[in-house]
């Protein structure tokens, strides 16, 4: 079990937002190239952008609050855990012809999102609301 302070949680939320924004923008700008490189279908990459930008919006909003609403952090953490589960399905259950690089990418980003989700969940247990330090 992690102990996550209010300031660390805020940093984790900003990191979540920044990483999601970078991933989403790269998927938008490089969709066809990424599809060829990874074996992920173009449509799946485009749908991922919509989902990720929703998470970016929520994470940014939560990080920017003076008092962080812990229910919102829990929602984000659960959504991130769901993303990890979906990523594992994409890697091992969807029947896609992922390239070795594609499999590595899906698993690496799933691990990163899992760590974010764990930290967010741990931070959300600290109380109903945390005030920025």
N, C-alpha and C. Protein backbone atom coordinates (compact mmCIF):
# COMPACT_ATOMS: atom_id res chain seq x y z
N UNK A 1 0.85 -1.18 0.00
CA UNK A 1 0.00 0.00 0.00
C UNK A 1 0.90 1.24 0.00
N UNK A 2 0.56 2.18 -0.86
CA UNK A 2 1.31 3.41 -0.99
C UNK A 2 0.73 4.49 -0.09
N UNK A 3 1.57 5.41 0.34
CA UNK A 3 1.10 6.64 0.98
C UNK A 3 1.36 7.75 -0.03
N UNK A 4 0.31 8.43 -0.44
CA UNK A 4 0.42 9.48 -1.45
C UNK A 4 -0.09 10.78 -0.85
N UNK A 5 0.80 11.76 -0.75
CA UNK A 5 0.43 13.06 -0.19
C UNK A 5 -0.41 13.84 -1.19
N UNK A 6 -1.01 14.92 -0.72
CA UNK A 6 -1.84 15.77 -1.59
C UNK A 6 -1.01 16.35 -2.73
N UNK A 7 0.20 16.80 -2.44
CA UNK A 7 1.03 17.38 -3.49
C UNK A 7 1.48 16.32 -4.49
N UNK A 8 1.77 15.12 -4.01
CA UNK A 8 2.16 14.04 -4.92
C UNK A 8 0.98 13.64 -5.79
N UNK A 9 -0.20 13.55 -5.20
CA UNK A 9 -1.39 13.21 -5.99
C UNK A 9 -1.62 14.23 -7.09
N UNK A 10 -1.46 15.49 -6.78
CA UNK A 10 -1.64 16.54 -7.79
C UNK A 10 -0.63 16.35 -8.93
N UNK A 11 0.61 16.03 -8.58
CA UNK A 11 1.63 15.79 -9.61
C UNK A 11 1.29 14.56 -10.47
N UNK A 12 0.78 13.53 -9.83
CA UNK A 12 0.38 12.32 -10.55
C UNK A 12 -0.75 12.64 -11.52
N UNK A 13 -1.72 13.44 -11.07
CA UNK A 13 -2.83 13.83 -11.94
C UNK A 13 -2.34 14.63 -13.14
N UNK A 14 -1.41 15.57 -12.91
CA UNK A 14 -0.85 16.35 -14.02
C UNK A 14 -0.05 15.44 -14.96
N UNK A 15 0.70 14.49 -14.41
CA UNK A 15 1.45 13.54 -15.24
C UNK A 15 0.50 12.71 -16.09
N UNK A 16 -0.59 12.25 -15.49
CA UNK A 16 -1.60 11.48 -16.21
C UNK A 16 -2.13 12.31 -17.39
N UNK A 17 -2.46 13.56 -17.12
CA UNK A 17 -3.00 14.43 -18.16
C UNK A 17 -1.97 14.68 -19.27
N UNK A 18 -0.74 14.97 -18.89
CA UNK A 18 0.31 15.27 -19.88
C UNK A 18 0.63 14.04 -20.74
N UNK A 19 0.74 12.89 -20.10
CA UNK A 19 1.04 11.67 -20.86
C UNK A 19 -0.11 11.32 -21.80
N UNK A 20 -1.33 11.47 -21.33
CA UNK A 20 -2.49 11.21 -22.19
C UNK A 20 -2.56 12.16 -23.36
N UNK A 21 -2.28 13.43 -23.10
CA UNK A 21 -2.29 14.42 -24.17
C UNK A 21 -1.23 14.08 -25.22
N UNK A 22 -0.04 13.72 -24.78
CA UNK A 22 1.02 13.34 -25.72
C UNK A 22 0.65 12.12 -26.53
N UNK A 23 0.09 11.13 -25.87
CA UNK A 23 -0.32 9.91 -26.57
C UNK A 23 -1.43 10.22 -27.57
N UNK A 24 -2.43 10.97 -27.13
CA UNK A 24 -3.54 11.29 -28.01
C UNK A 24 -3.11 12.09 -29.23
N UNK A 25 -2.27 13.09 -29.01
CA UNK A 25 -1.80 13.91 -30.14
C UNK A 25 -0.95 13.09 -31.11
N UNK A 26 -0.13 12.19 -30.58
CA UNK A 26 0.67 11.35 -31.47
C UNK A 26 -0.22 10.41 -32.28
N UNK A 27 -1.28 9.89 -31.66
CA UNK A 27 -2.21 9.04 -32.39
C UNK A 27 -2.93 9.81 -33.48
N UNK A 28 -3.26 11.06 -33.21
CA UNK A 28 -3.92 11.88 -34.22
C UNK A 28 -2.98 12.21 -35.38
N UNK A 29 -1.77 12.60 -35.05
CA UNK A 29 -0.83 13.07 -36.08
C UNK A 29 -0.21 11.92 -36.87
N UNK A 30 -0.07 10.77 -36.26
CA UNK A 30 0.69 9.67 -36.87
C UNK A 30 -0.12 8.39 -37.01
N UNK A 31 -1.44 8.50 -37.16
CA UNK A 31 -2.31 7.33 -37.12
C UNK A 31 -1.89 6.23 -38.09
N UNK A 32 -1.74 6.56 -39.35
CA UNK A 32 -1.42 5.54 -40.35
C UNK A 32 -0.04 4.92 -40.09
N UNK A 33 0.93 5.75 -39.78
CA UNK A 33 2.28 5.27 -39.51
C UNK A 33 2.29 4.36 -38.29
N UNK A 34 1.61 4.78 -37.20
CA UNK A 34 1.55 3.96 -35.99
C UNK A 34 0.84 2.63 -36.24
N UNK A 35 -0.19 2.66 -37.05
CA UNK A 35 -0.91 1.44 -37.37
C UNK A 35 0.01 0.44 -38.06
N UNK A 36 0.77 0.92 -39.04
CA UNK A 36 1.70 0.04 -39.72
C UNK A 36 2.81 -0.47 -38.82
N UNK A 37 3.27 0.37 -37.93
CA UNK A 37 4.37 0.04 -37.03
C UNK A 37 3.95 -0.96 -35.95
N UNK A 38 2.71 -0.82 -35.46
CA UNK A 38 2.26 -1.62 -34.31
C UNK A 38 1.33 -2.78 -34.66
N UNK A 39 0.65 -2.68 -35.81
CA UNK A 39 -0.36 -3.67 -36.14
C UNK A 39 -1.72 -3.34 -35.55
N UNK A 40 -1.85 -2.22 -34.86
CA UNK A 40 -3.15 -1.79 -34.32
C UNK A 40 -3.96 -1.17 -35.45
N UNK A 41 -5.22 -1.53 -35.58
CA UNK A 41 -6.06 -0.94 -36.63
C UNK A 41 -6.19 0.57 -36.46
N UNK A 42 -6.26 1.28 -37.58
CA UNK A 42 -6.40 2.74 -37.57
C UNK A 42 -7.61 3.16 -36.74
N UNK A 43 -8.73 2.50 -36.92
CA UNK A 43 -9.95 2.86 -36.18
C UNK A 43 -9.74 2.72 -34.68
N UNK A 44 -9.04 1.70 -34.26
CA UNK A 44 -8.79 1.50 -32.83
C UNK A 44 -7.95 2.63 -32.26
N UNK A 45 -6.95 3.05 -33.03
CA UNK A 45 -6.12 4.17 -32.59
C UNK A 45 -6.96 5.45 -32.48
N UNK A 46 -7.86 5.66 -33.43
CA UNK A 46 -8.70 6.85 -33.41
C UNK A 46 -9.69 6.83 -32.24
N UNK A 47 -10.27 5.68 -31.96
CA UNK A 47 -11.18 5.55 -30.82
C UNK A 47 -10.40 5.77 -29.52
N UNK A 48 -9.18 5.25 -29.47
CA UNK A 48 -8.35 5.44 -28.27
C UNK A 48 -8.13 6.92 -27.99
N UNK A 49 -7.99 7.74 -29.04
CA UNK A 49 -7.80 9.18 -28.86
C UNK A 49 -8.99 9.79 -28.13
N UNK A 50 -10.19 9.41 -28.52
CA UNK A 50 -11.40 9.96 -27.88
C UNK A 50 -11.43 9.58 -26.40
N UNK A 51 -11.16 8.32 -26.11
CA UNK A 51 -11.17 7.85 -24.72
C UNK A 51 -10.08 8.56 -23.91
N UNK A 52 -8.89 8.62 -24.47
CA UNK A 52 -7.76 9.23 -23.76
C UNK A 52 -8.01 10.72 -23.52
N UNK A 53 -8.55 11.42 -24.50
CA UNK A 53 -8.82 12.85 -24.30
C UNK A 53 -9.88 13.08 -23.22
N UNK A 54 -10.82 12.16 -23.06
CA UNK A 54 -11.77 12.25 -21.95
C UNK A 54 -11.05 12.14 -20.62
N UNK A 55 -10.11 11.20 -20.53
CA UNK A 55 -9.33 11.03 -19.30
C UNK A 55 -8.43 12.24 -19.06
N UNK A 56 -7.87 12.81 -20.13
CA UNK A 56 -7.03 14.01 -20.01
C UNK A 56 -7.85 15.15 -19.43
N UNK A 57 -9.07 15.32 -19.93
CA UNK A 57 -9.93 16.40 -19.43
C UNK A 57 -10.23 16.22 -17.94
N UNK A 58 -10.58 14.99 -17.55
CA UNK A 58 -10.89 14.74 -16.15
C UNK A 58 -9.65 14.92 -15.27
N UNK A 59 -8.54 14.37 -15.67
CA UNK A 59 -7.32 14.47 -14.87
C UNK A 59 -6.86 15.92 -14.72
N UNK A 60 -6.92 16.68 -15.81
CA UNK A 60 -6.55 18.10 -15.76
C UNK A 60 -7.46 18.87 -14.82
N UNK A 61 -8.74 18.61 -14.93
CA UNK A 61 -9.72 19.30 -14.07
C UNK A 61 -9.46 18.97 -12.60
N UNK A 62 -9.25 17.69 -12.31
CA UNK A 62 -9.00 17.29 -10.92
C UNK A 62 -7.72 17.93 -10.39
N UNK A 63 -6.67 17.94 -11.20
CA UNK A 63 -5.38 18.50 -10.77
C UNK A 63 -5.45 20.00 -10.54
N UNK A 64 -6.34 20.66 -11.24
CA UNK A 64 -6.40 22.13 -11.17
C UNK A 64 -7.29 22.65 -10.04
N UNK A 65 -7.99 21.77 -9.34
CA UNK A 65 -8.87 22.19 -8.24
C UNK A 65 -8.04 22.53 -7.01
N UNK A 66 -8.48 23.56 -6.28
CA UNK A 66 -7.85 23.87 -5.00
C UNK A 66 -8.09 22.73 -4.02
N UNK A 67 -9.30 22.22 -4.00
CA UNK A 67 -9.65 21.05 -3.20
C UNK A 67 -9.91 19.91 -4.17
N UNK A 68 -9.09 18.89 -4.12
CA UNK A 68 -9.20 17.77 -5.05
C UNK A 68 -10.37 16.88 -4.64
N UNK A 69 -11.39 16.75 -5.50
CA UNK A 69 -12.52 15.86 -5.17
C UNK A 69 -12.11 14.39 -5.30
N UNK A 70 -12.06 13.70 -4.18
CA UNK A 70 -11.56 12.33 -4.16
C UNK A 70 -12.46 11.37 -4.93
N UNK A 71 -13.76 11.64 -4.99
CA UNK A 71 -14.64 10.78 -5.78
C UNK A 71 -14.23 10.84 -7.25
N UNK A 72 -13.87 12.00 -7.72
CA UNK A 72 -13.41 12.14 -9.10
C UNK A 72 -12.10 11.41 -9.34
N UNK A 73 -11.21 11.46 -8.35
CA UNK A 73 -9.93 10.75 -8.47
C UNK A 73 -10.19 9.24 -8.53
N UNK A 74 -11.15 8.77 -7.73
CA UNK A 74 -11.49 7.34 -7.76
C UNK A 74 -12.06 6.95 -9.12
N UNK A 75 -12.91 7.80 -9.69
CA UNK A 75 -13.46 7.52 -11.02
C UNK A 75 -12.33 7.41 -12.04
N UNK A 76 -11.39 8.35 -11.98
CA UNK A 76 -10.25 8.32 -12.90
C UNK A 76 -9.42 7.06 -12.69
N UNK A 77 -9.16 6.69 -11.45
CA UNK A 77 -8.38 5.49 -11.16
C UNK A 77 -9.07 4.24 -11.70
N UNK A 78 -10.38 4.13 -11.49
CA UNK A 78 -11.13 2.97 -12.00
C UNK A 78 -11.10 2.95 -13.53
N UNK A 79 -11.24 4.12 -14.15
CA UNK A 79 -11.16 4.20 -15.62
C UNK A 79 -9.77 3.76 -16.09
N UNK A 80 -8.73 4.15 -15.37
CA UNK A 80 -7.38 3.73 -15.74
C UNK A 80 -7.20 2.22 -15.55
N UNK A 81 -7.75 1.65 -14.48
CA UNK A 81 -7.69 0.20 -14.32
C UNK A 81 -8.43 -0.50 -15.47
N UNK A 82 -9.56 0.06 -15.90
CA UNK A 82 -10.30 -0.50 -17.03
C UNK A 82 -9.47 -0.42 -18.32
N UNK A 83 -8.73 0.69 -18.49
CA UNK A 83 -7.85 0.84 -19.65
C UNK A 83 -6.79 -0.27 -19.65
N UNK A 84 -6.25 -0.55 -18.48
CA UNK A 84 -5.23 -1.60 -18.36
C UNK A 84 -5.84 -2.95 -18.77
N UNK A 85 -7.04 -3.25 -18.27
CA UNK A 85 -7.70 -4.51 -18.62
C UNK A 85 -7.96 -4.58 -20.13
N UNK A 86 -8.42 -3.47 -20.71
CA UNK A 86 -8.66 -3.44 -22.15
C UNK A 86 -7.36 -3.61 -22.92
N UNK A 87 -6.28 -3.03 -22.43
CA UNK A 87 -4.98 -3.16 -23.09
C UNK A 87 -4.51 -4.62 -23.07
N UNK A 88 -4.72 -5.31 -21.96
CA UNK A 88 -4.34 -6.72 -21.88
C UNK A 88 -5.18 -7.55 -22.84
N UNK A 89 -6.45 -7.20 -22.98
CA UNK A 89 -7.29 -7.89 -23.96
C UNK A 89 -6.79 -7.64 -25.38
N UNK A 90 -6.44 -6.38 -25.67
CA UNK A 90 -5.90 -6.06 -26.99
C UNK A 90 -4.62 -6.87 -27.25
N UNK A 91 -3.78 -6.98 -26.25
CA UNK A 91 -2.50 -7.68 -26.40
C UNK A 91 -2.68 -9.19 -26.57
N UNK A 92 -3.61 -9.77 -25.81
CA UNK A 92 -3.66 -11.23 -25.76
C UNK A 92 -4.99 -11.87 -26.16
N UNK A 93 -6.06 -11.08 -26.27
CA UNK A 93 -7.36 -11.70 -26.52
C UNK A 93 -8.11 -11.21 -27.74
N UNK A 94 -7.67 -10.15 -28.35
CA UNK A 94 -8.43 -9.56 -29.44
C UNK A 94 -8.16 -10.23 -30.78
N UNK A 95 -7.13 -11.04 -30.85
CA UNK A 95 -6.81 -11.71 -32.10
C UNK A 95 -6.19 -10.80 -33.14
N UNK A 96 -5.59 -9.70 -32.70
CA UNK A 96 -4.95 -8.79 -33.64
C UNK A 96 -3.57 -9.31 -34.01
N UNK A 97 -3.12 -8.94 -35.18
CA UNK A 97 -1.78 -9.31 -35.63
C UNK A 97 -0.82 -8.20 -35.24
N UNK A 98 -0.62 -8.05 -33.94
CA UNK A 98 0.30 -7.02 -33.46
C UNK A 98 1.73 -7.38 -33.84
N UNK A 99 2.50 -6.37 -34.18
CA UNK A 99 3.92 -6.57 -34.39
C UNK A 99 4.57 -6.72 -33.02
N UNK A 100 5.79 -7.22 -32.96
CA UNK A 100 6.48 -7.27 -31.66
C UNK A 100 6.57 -5.88 -31.01
N UNK A 101 6.81 -4.86 -31.81
CA UNK A 101 6.84 -3.49 -31.28
C UNK A 101 5.45 -3.08 -30.78
N UNK A 102 4.41 -3.48 -31.50
CA UNK A 102 3.05 -3.17 -31.09
C UNK A 102 2.68 -3.83 -29.77
N UNK A 103 3.05 -5.09 -29.62
CA UNK A 103 2.79 -5.81 -28.37
C UNK A 103 3.55 -5.14 -27.22
N UNK A 104 4.80 -4.82 -27.47
CA UNK A 104 5.60 -4.14 -26.45
C UNK A 104 5.00 -2.81 -26.06
N UNK A 105 4.55 -2.03 -27.04
CA UNK A 105 3.95 -0.73 -26.77
C UNK A 105 2.68 -0.87 -25.94
N UNK A 106 1.80 -1.78 -26.33
CA UNK A 106 0.54 -1.97 -25.61
C UNK A 106 0.82 -2.35 -24.16
N UNK A 107 1.77 -3.25 -23.96
CA UNK A 107 2.08 -3.69 -22.59
C UNK A 107 2.79 -2.60 -21.78
N UNK A 108 3.68 -1.85 -22.42
CA UNK A 108 4.40 -0.79 -21.71
C UNK A 108 3.45 0.33 -21.27
N UNK A 109 2.56 0.75 -22.17
CA UNK A 109 1.64 1.82 -21.77
C UNK A 109 0.65 1.30 -20.73
N UNK A 110 0.29 0.02 -20.80
CA UNK A 110 -0.60 -0.56 -19.79
C UNK A 110 0.07 -0.54 -18.41
N UNK A 111 1.35 -0.86 -18.37
CA UNK A 111 2.09 -0.82 -17.11
C UNK A 111 2.15 0.60 -16.55
N UNK A 112 2.43 1.56 -17.41
CA UNK A 112 2.48 2.96 -16.99
C UNK A 112 1.13 3.42 -16.44
N UNK A 113 0.06 3.09 -17.13
CA UNK A 113 -1.28 3.48 -16.68
C UNK A 113 -1.64 2.75 -15.38
N UNK A 114 -1.20 1.51 -15.23
CA UNK A 114 -1.44 0.78 -13.99
C UNK A 114 -0.79 1.48 -12.80
N UNK A 115 0.44 1.93 -12.98
CA UNK A 115 1.13 2.66 -11.90
C UNK A 115 0.38 3.95 -11.58
N UNK A 116 -0.03 4.69 -12.60
CA UNK A 116 -0.82 5.91 -12.35
C UNK A 116 -2.10 5.58 -11.58
N UNK A 117 -2.81 4.54 -12.01
CA UNK A 117 -4.06 4.16 -11.35
C UNK A 117 -3.83 3.79 -9.89
N UNK A 118 -2.77 3.03 -9.63
CA UNK A 118 -2.45 2.65 -8.25
C UNK A 118 -2.18 3.88 -7.39
N UNK A 119 -1.39 4.81 -7.91
CA UNK A 119 -1.08 6.03 -7.16
C UNK A 119 -2.33 6.88 -6.95
N UNK A 120 -3.16 6.98 -7.97
CA UNK A 120 -4.41 7.76 -7.84
C UNK A 120 -5.34 7.11 -6.81
N UNK A 121 -5.45 5.80 -6.87
CA UNK A 121 -6.31 5.10 -5.91
C UNK A 121 -5.79 5.30 -4.49
N UNK A 122 -4.49 5.16 -4.32
CA UNK A 122 -3.90 5.35 -2.98
C UNK A 122 -4.13 6.78 -2.50
N UNK A 123 -3.95 7.75 -3.37
CA UNK A 123 -4.18 9.15 -3.00
C UNK A 123 -5.63 9.43 -2.67
N UNK A 124 -6.55 8.73 -3.33
CA UNK A 124 -7.98 8.99 -3.09
C UNK A 124 -8.44 8.47 -1.74
N UNK A 125 -7.67 7.58 -1.14
CA UNK A 125 -8.05 7.01 0.16
C UNK A 125 -7.73 7.95 1.32
N UNK A 126 -7.07 9.03 1.07
CA UNK A 126 -6.63 9.92 2.14
C UNK A 126 -7.77 10.71 2.74
N UNK A 127 -8.90 10.79 2.08
CA UNK A 127 -10.03 11.53 2.63
C UNK A 127 -10.94 12.02 1.52
N UNK A 128 -12.02 12.63 1.91
CA UNK A 128 -13.01 13.10 0.93
C UNK A 128 -12.44 14.21 0.05
N UNK A 129 -11.62 15.08 0.63
CA UNK A 129 -11.06 16.18 -0.15
C UNK A 129 -9.70 16.55 0.42
N UNK A 130 -8.80 16.84 -0.47
CA UNK A 130 -7.48 17.30 -0.05
C UNK A 130 -7.31 18.74 -0.52
N UNK A 131 -6.77 19.57 0.35
CA UNK A 131 -6.52 20.95 0.00
C UNK A 131 -5.06 21.07 -0.44
N UNK A 132 -4.82 21.79 -1.51
CA UNK A 132 -3.46 21.95 -2.02
C UNK A 132 -2.59 22.61 -0.96
N UNK A 133 -1.37 22.14 -0.90
CA UNK A 133 -0.43 22.69 0.09
C UNK A 133 0.22 23.96 -0.41
